[in-house]
PDB file of N, CA and C in Angstrom:
ATOM      1  N   MET A   1      74.556  53.846  57.589  1.00  0.00           N
ATOM      2  CA  MET A   1      73.992  53.481  56.299  1.00  0.00           C
ATOM      3  C   MET A   1      73.849  51.965  56.171  1.00  0.00           C
ATOM      4  N   ARG A   2      74.807  51.233  56.723  1.00  0.00           N
ATOM      5  CA  ARG A   2      74.742  49.775  56.609  1.00  0.00           C
ATOM      6  C   ARG A   2      73.571  49.191  57.376  1.00  0.00           C
ATOM      7  N   VAL A   3      73.224  49.779  58.487  1.00  0.00           N
ATOM      8  CA  VAL A   3      72.071  49.295  59.256  1.00  0.00           C
ATOM      9  C   VAL A   3      70.792  49.529  58.460  1.00  0.00           C
ATOM     10  N   PHE A   4      70.692  50.681  57.812  1.00  0.00           N
ATOM     11  CA  PHE A   4      69.528  50.975  56.980  1.00  0.00           C
ATOM     12  C   PHE A   4      69.403  49.959  55.846  1.00  0.00           C
ATOM     13  N   VAL A   5      70.513  49.655  55.188  1.00  0.00           N
ATOM     14  CA  VAL A   5      70.491  48.673  54.091  1.00  0.00           C
ATOM     15  C   VAL A   5      70.112  47.300  54.621  1.00  0.00           C
ATOM     16  N   LEU A   6      70.598  46.946  55.794  1.00  0.00           N
ATOM     17  CA  LEU A   6      70.246  45.658  56.383  1.00  0.00           C
ATOM     18  C   LEU A   6      68.747  45.569  56.660  1.00  0.00           C
ATOM     19  N   VAL A   7      68.167  46.647  57.157  1.00  0.00           N
ATOM     20  CA  VAL A   7      66.723  46.670  57.415  1.00  0.00           C
ATOM     21  C   VAL A   7      65.944  46.573  56.109  1.00  0.00           C
ATOM     22  N   VAL A   8      66.391  47.310  55.084  1.00  0.00           N
ATOM     23  CA  VAL A   8      65.722  47.243  53.781  1.00  0.00           C
ATOM     24  C   VAL A   8      65.813  45.835  53.208  1.00  0.00           C
ATOM     25  N   LEU A   9      66.960  45.187  53.347  1.00  0.00           N
ATOM     26  CA  LEU A   9      67.108  43.815  52.855  1.00  0.00           C
ATOM     27  C   LEU A   9      66.166  42.861  53.585  1.00  0.00           C
ATOM     28  N   ALA A  10      66.033  43.030  54.879  1.00  0.00           N
ATOM     29  CA  ALA A  10      65.131  42.171  55.648  1.00  0.00           C
ATOM     30  C   ALA A  10      63.677  42.389  55.239  1.00  0.00           C
ATOM     31  N   VAL A  11      63.286  43.639  55.026  1.00  0.00           N
ATOM     32  CA  VAL A  11      61.914  43.932  54.598  1.00  0.00           C
ATOM     33  C   VAL A  11      61.652  43.357  53.215  1.00  0.00           C
ATOM     34  N   LEU A  12      62.610  43.504  52.305  1.00  0.00           N
ATOM     35  CA  LEU A  12      62.434  42.943  50.960  1.00  0.00           C
ATOM     36  C   LEU A  12      62.354  41.420  50.989  1.00  0.00           C
ATOM     37  N   ALA A  13      63.117  40.785  51.868  1.00  0.00           N
ATOM     38  CA  ALA A  13      63.036  39.330  52.004  1.00  0.00           C
ATOM     39  C   ALA A  13      61.667  38.906  52.512  1.00  0.00           C
ATOM     40  N   LEU A  14      61.117  39.660  53.441  1.00  0.00           N
ATOM     41  CA  LEU A  14      59.784  39.361  53.967  1.00  0.00           C
ATOM     42  C   LEU A  14      58.722  39.530  52.882  1.00  0.00           C
ATOM     43  N   ILE A  15      58.822  40.595  52.102  1.00  0.00           N
ATOM     44  CA  ILE A  15      57.872  40.821  51.003  1.00  0.00           C
ATOM     45  C   ILE A  15      57.964  39.696  49.981  1.00  0.00           C
ATOM     46  N   ALA A  16      59.181  39.290  49.644  1.00  0.00           N
ATOM     47  CA  ALA A  16      59.362  38.209  48.664  1.00  0.00           C
ATOM     48  C   ALA A  16      58.775  36.900  49.184  1.00  0.00           C
ATOM     49  N   ALA A  17      58.927  36.648  50.468  1.00  0.00           N
ATOM     50  CA  ALA A  17      58.403  35.410  51.040  1.00  0.00           C
ATOM     51  C   ALA A  17      56.877  35.402  51.067  1.00  0.00           C
ATOM     52  N   LEU A  18      56.282  36.548  51.309  1.00  0.00           N
ATOM     53  CA  LEU A  18      54.825  36.622  51.412  1.00  0.00           C
ATOM     54  C   LEU A  18      54.125  36.821  50.073  1.00  0.00           C
ATOM     55  N   ALA A  19      54.862  37.207  49.045  1.00  0.00           N
ATOM     56  CA  ALA A  19      54.253  37.544  47.756  1.00  0.00           C
ATOM     57  C   ALA A  19      53.680  36.321  47.049  1.00  0.00           C
ATOM     58  N   GLY A  20      54.409  35.247  47.043  1.00  0.00           N
ATOM     59  CA  GLY A  20      53.928  34.047  46.388  1.00  0.00           C
ATOM     60  C   GLY A  20      54.102  34.054  44.878  1.00  0.00           C
ATOM     61  N   SER A  21      54.744  35.054  44.345  1.00  0.00           N
ATOM     62  CA  SER A  21      54.977  35.140  42.904  1.00  0.00           C
ATOM     63  C   SER A  21      56.469  35.002  42.638  1.00  0.00           C
ATOM     64  N   LEU A  22      56.820  34.042  41.794  1.00  0.00           N
ATOM     65  CA  LEU A  22      58.229  33.794  41.528  1.00  0.00           C
ATOM     66  C   LEU A  22      58.878  34.957  40.792  1.00  0.00           C
ATOM     67  N   SER A  23      58.181  35.535  39.828  1.00  0.00           N
ATOM     68  CA  SER A  23      58.779  36.637  39.081  1.00  0.00           C
ATOM     69  C   SER A  23      58.983  37.864  39.979  1.00  0.00           C
ATOM     70  N   LEU A  24      58.056  38.118  40.893  1.00  0.00           N
ATOM     71  CA  LEU A  24      58.240  39.217  41.841  1.00  0.00           C
ATOM     72  C   LEU A  24      59.402  38.930  42.783  1.00  0.00           C
ATOM     73  N   ALA A  25      59.505  37.689  43.227  1.00  0.00           N
ATOM     74  CA  ALA A  25      60.617  37.313  44.101  1.00  0.00           C
ATOM     75  C   ALA A  25      61.959  37.463  43.386  1.00  0.00           C
ATOM     76  N   LEU A  26      62.015  37.134  42.094  1.00  0.00           N
ATOM     77  CA  LEU A  26      63.253  37.313  41.331  1.00  0.00           C
ATOM     78  C   LEU A  26      63.596  38.790  41.178  1.00  0.00           C
ATOM     79  N   GLY A  27      62.612  39.613  40.959  1.00  0.00           N
ATOM     80  CA  GLY A  27      62.853  41.051  40.873  1.00  0.00           C
ATOM     81  C   GLY A  27      63.357  41.628  42.189  1.00  0.00           C
ATOM     82  N   ILE A  28      62.771  41.181  43.277  1.00  0.00           N
ATOM     83  CA  ILE A  28      63.216  41.633  44.596  1.00  0.00           C
ATOM     84  C   ILE A  28      64.624  41.132  44.879  1.00  0.00           C
ATOM     85  N   ALA A  29      64.924  39.907  44.480  1.00  0.00           N
ATOM     86  CA  ALA A  29      66.278  39.375  44.667  1.00  0.00           C
ATOM     87  C   ALA A  29      67.302  40.174  43.871  1.00  0.00           C
ATOM     88  N   ALA A  30      66.932  40.612  42.687  1.00  0.00           N
ATOM     89  CA  ALA A  30      67.831  41.434  41.886  1.00  0.00           C
ATOM     90  C   ALA A  30      68.084  42.770  42.580  1.00  0.00           C
ATOM     91  N   CYS A  31      67.049  43.367  43.134  1.00  0.00           N
ATOM     92  CA  CYS A  31      67.215  44.624  43.873  1.00  0.00           C
ATOM     93  C   CYS A  31      68.102  44.419  45.101  1.00  0.00           C
ATOM     94  N   LYS A  32      67.894  43.306  45.792  1.00  0.00           N
ATOM     95  CA  LYS A  32      68.704  43.021  46.973  1.00  0.00           C
ATOM     96  C   LYS A  32      70.166  42.834  46.615  1.00  0.00           C
ATOM     97  N   SER A  33      70.441  42.144  45.508  1.00  0.00           N
ATOM     98  CA  SER A  33      71.838  41.941  45.129  1.00  0.00           C
ATOM     99  C   SER A  33      72.499  43.257  44.727  1.00  0.00           C
ATOM    100  N   ALA A  34      71.740  44.154  44.111  1.00  0.00           N
ATOM    101  CA  ALA A  34      72.293  45.475  43.773  1.00  0.00           C
ATOM    102  C   ALA A  34      72.588  46.271  45.043  1.00  0.00           C
ATOM    103  N   LEU A  35      71.707  46.189  46.043  1.00  0.00           N
ATOM    104  CA  LEU A  35      71.958  46.877  47.311  1.00  0.00           C
ATOM    105  C   LEU A  35      73.192  46.330  48.018  1.00  0.00           C
ATOM    106  N   VAL A  36      73.334  45.013  48.022  1.00  0.00           N
ATOM    107  CA  VAL A  36      74.499  44.395  48.653  1.00  0.00           C
ATOM    108  C   VAL A  36      75.777  44.822  47.940  1.00  0.00           C
ATOM    109  N   ALA A  37      75.748  44.821  46.619  1.00  0.00           N
ATOM    110  CA  ALA A  37      76.936  45.229  45.863  1.00  0.00           C
ATOM    111  C   ALA A  37      77.269  46.688  46.114  1.00  0.00           C
ATOM    112  N   PHE A  38      76.254  47.515  46.170  1.00  0.00           N
ATOM    113  CA  PHE A  38      76.476  48.946  46.355  1.00  0.00           C
ATOM    114  C   PHE A  38      77.022  49.263  47.743  1.00  0.00           C
ATOM    115  N   GLU A  39      76.462  48.625  48.764  1.00  0.00           N
ATOM    116  CA  GLU A  39      76.844  48.988  50.128  1.00  0.00           C
ATOM    117  C   GLU A  39      77.975  48.124  50.670  1.00  0.00           C
ATOM    118  N   TYR A  40      77.847  46.803  50.595  1.00  0.00           N
ATOM    119  CA  TYR A  40      78.801  45.935  51.270  1.00  0.00           C
ATOM    120  C   TYR A  40      80.026  45.605  50.418  1.00  0.00           C
ATOM    121  N   MET A  41      79.861  45.520  49.109  1.00  0.00           N
ATOM    122  CA  MET A  41      81.008  45.285  48.222  1.00  0.00           C
ATOM    123  C   MET A  41      81.660  46.606  47.825  1.00  0.00           C
ATOM    124  N   GLU A  42      81.063  47.710  48.260  1.00  0.00           N
ATOM    125  CA  GLU A  42      81.566  49.061  48.066  1.00  0.00           C
ATOM    126  C   GLU A  42      81.793  49.408  46.597  1.00  0.00           C
ATOM    127  N   LEU A  43      80.836  49.005  45.756  1.00  0.00           N
ATOM    128  CA  LEU A  43      80.906  49.391  44.351  1.00  0.00           C
ATOM    129  C   LEU A  43      80.618  50.875  44.152  1.00  0.00           C
ATOM    130  N   ARG A  44      80.076  51.521  45.165  1.00  0.00           N
ATOM    131  CA  ARG A  44      79.816  52.956  45.029  1.00  0.00           C
ATOM    132  C   ARG A  44      81.112  53.758  44.926  1.00  0.00           C
ATOM    133  N   HIS A  45      82.231  53.181  45.409  1.00  0.00           N
ATOM    134  CA  HIS A  45      83.522  53.854  45.320  1.00  0.00           C
ATOM    135  C   HIS A  45      84.300  53.422  44.079  1.00  0.00           C
ATOM    136  N   ALA A  46      83.806  52.424  43.377  1.00  0.00           N
ATOM    137  CA  ALA A  46      84.503  51.907  42.198  1.00  0.00           C
ATOM    138  C   ALA A  46      84.138  52.731  40.965  1.00  0.00           C
ATOM    139  N   ASN A  47      84.733  52.366  39.875  1.00  0.00           N
ATOM    140  CA  ASN A  47      84.433  53.006  38.600  1.00  0.00           C
ATOM    141  C   ASN A  47      82.948  52.784  38.284  1.00  0.00           C
ATOM    142  N   ARG A  48      82.301  53.793  37.714  1.00  0.00           N
ATOM    143  CA  ARG A  48      80.871  53.700  37.393  1.00  0.00           C
ATOM    144  C   ARG A  48      80.587  52.571  36.406  1.00  0.00           C
ATOM    145  N   ALA A  49      81.522  52.294  35.525  1.00  0.00           N
ATOM    146  CA  ALA A  49      81.319  51.226  34.546  1.00  0.00           C
ATOM    147  C   ALA A  49      81.169  49.870  35.238  1.00  0.00           C
ATOM    148  N   HIS A  50      81.899  49.657  36.324  1.00  0.00           N
ATOM    149  CA  HIS A  50      81.780  48.395  37.060  1.00  0.00           C
ATOM    150  C   HIS A  50      80.405  48.268  37.704  1.00  0.00           C
ATOM    151  N   LEU A  51      79.927  49.368  38.284  1.00  0.00           N
ATOM    152  CA  LEU A  51      78.605  49.357  38.905  1.00  0.00           C
ATOM    153  C   LEU A  51      77.510  49.122  37.867  1.00  0.00           C
ATOM    154  N   VAL A  52      77.590  49.823  36.756  1.00  0.00           N
ATOM    155  CA  VAL A  52      76.589  49.670  35.696  1.00  0.00           C
ATOM    156  C   VAL A  52      76.637  48.257  35.125  1.00  0.00           C
ATOM    157  N   GLY A  53      77.836  47.737  34.902  1.00  0.00           N
ATOM    158  CA  GLY A  53      77.975  46.380  34.381  1.00  0.00           C
ATOM    159  C   GLY A  53      77.385  45.342  35.310  1.00  0.00           C
ATOM    160  N   PHE A  54      77.606  45.513  36.616  1.00  0.00           N
ATOM    161  CA  PHE A  54      77.061  44.573  37.588  1.00  0.00           C
ATOM    162  C   PHE A  54      75.542  44.620  37.610  1.00  0.00           C
ATOM    163  N   VAL A  55      74.984  45.819  37.632  1.00  0.00           N
ATOM    164  CA  VAL A  55      73.528  45.965  37.683  1.00  0.00           C
ATOM    165  C   VAL A  55      72.881  45.427  36.400  1.00  0.00           C
ATOM    166  N   VAL A  56      73.490  45.693  35.262  1.00  0.00           N
ATOM    167  CA  VAL A  56      72.956  45.168  33.995  1.00  0.00           C
ATOM    168  C   VAL A  56      73.022  43.638  33.981  1.00  0.00           C
ATOM    169  N   ALA A  57      74.110  43.069  34.459  1.00  0.00           N
ATOM    170  CA  ALA A  57      74.236  41.607  34.500  1.00  0.00           C
ATOM    171  C   ALA A  57      73.184  40.985  35.409  1.00  0.00           C
ATOM    172  N   ILE A  58      72.949  41.586  36.560  1.00  0.00           N
ATOM    173  CA  ILE A  58      71.937  41.072  37.482  1.00  0.00           C
ATOM    174  C   ILE A  58      70.545  41.198  36.866  1.00  0.00           C
ATOM    175  N   ALA A  59      70.271  42.311  36.201  1.00  0.00           N
ATOM    176  CA  ALA A  59      68.963  42.500  35.561  1.00  0.00           C
ATOM    177  C   ALA A  59      68.741  41.476  34.451  1.00  0.00           C
ATOM    178  N   LEU A  60      69.768  41.226  33.650  1.00  0.00           N
ATOM    179  CA  LEU A  60      69.647  40.222  32.588  1.00  0.00           C
ATOM    180  C   LEU A  60      69.449  38.827  33.161  1.00  0.00           C
ATOM    181  N   LEU A  61      70.166  38.512  34.224  1.00  0.00           N
ATOM    182  CA  LEU A  61      70.011  37.209  34.861  1.00  0.00           C
ATOM    183  C   LEU A  61      68.602  37.032  35.427  1.00  0.00           C
ATOM    184  N   ALA A  62      68.104  38.050  36.106  1.00  0.00           N
ATOM    185  CA  ALA A  62      66.748  37.967  36.683  1.00  0.00           C
ATOM    186  C   ALA A  62      65.694  37.871  35.580  1.00  0.00           C
ATOM    187  N   ALA A  63      65.866  38.632  34.503  1.00  0.00           N
ATOM    188  CA  ALA A  63      64.902  38.572  33.397  1.00  0.00           C
ATOM    189  C   ALA A  63      64.927  37.214  32.716  1.00  0.00           C
ATOM    190  N   THR A  64      66.102  36.663  32.532  1.00  0.00           N
ATOM    191  CA  THR A  64      66.215  35.334  31.910  1.00  0.00           C
ATOM    192  C   THR A  64      65.568  34.269  32.794  1.00  0.00           C
ATOM    193  N   LEU A  65      65.823  34.328  34.078  1.00  0.00           N
ATOM    194  CA  LEU A  65      65.217  33.349  34.996  1.00  0.00           C
ATOM    195  C   LEU A  65      63.695  33.509  35.047  1.00  0.00           C
ATOM    196  N   ALA A  66      63.213  34.736  34.973  1.00  0.00           N
ATOM    197  CA  ALA A  66      61.766  34.956  34.984  1.00  0.00           C
ATOM    198  C   ALA A  66      61.114  34.426  33.722  1.00  0.00           C
ATOM    199  N   LEU A  67      61.799  34.533  32.590  1.00  0.00           N
ATOM    200  CA  LEU A  67      61.251  34.025  31.342  1.00  0.00           C
ATOM    201  C   LEU A  67      61.272  32.497  31.280  1.00  0.00           C
ATOM    202  N   VAL A  68      62.278  31.899  31.871  1.00  0.00           N
ATOM    203  CA  VAL A  68      62.418  30.450  31.826  1.00  0.00           C
ATOM    204  C   VAL A  68      61.400  29.765  32.728  1.00  0.00           C
ATOM    205  N   THR A  69      61.111  30.365  33.871  1.00  0.00           N
ATOM    206  CA  THR A  69      60.210  29.708  34.826  1.00  0.00           C
ATOM    207  C   THR A  69      58.770  29.954  34.531  1.00  0.00           C
TER     208      THR A  69
END
């Protein structure tokens, strides 16, 4: 599973680099951080509230950065 996530992260990084849109790149970065938290930080084994809180915080951060830029 970790190899699959690593490949998905690499593909998303390539898409973000080629897109040329900052808001799209921020959205992709938010997705990547959720994948890293889910797989490598092992939030999938933690309490669901921690996972939901992390994803909501990342979404709010990405939305705020997209609005500011």
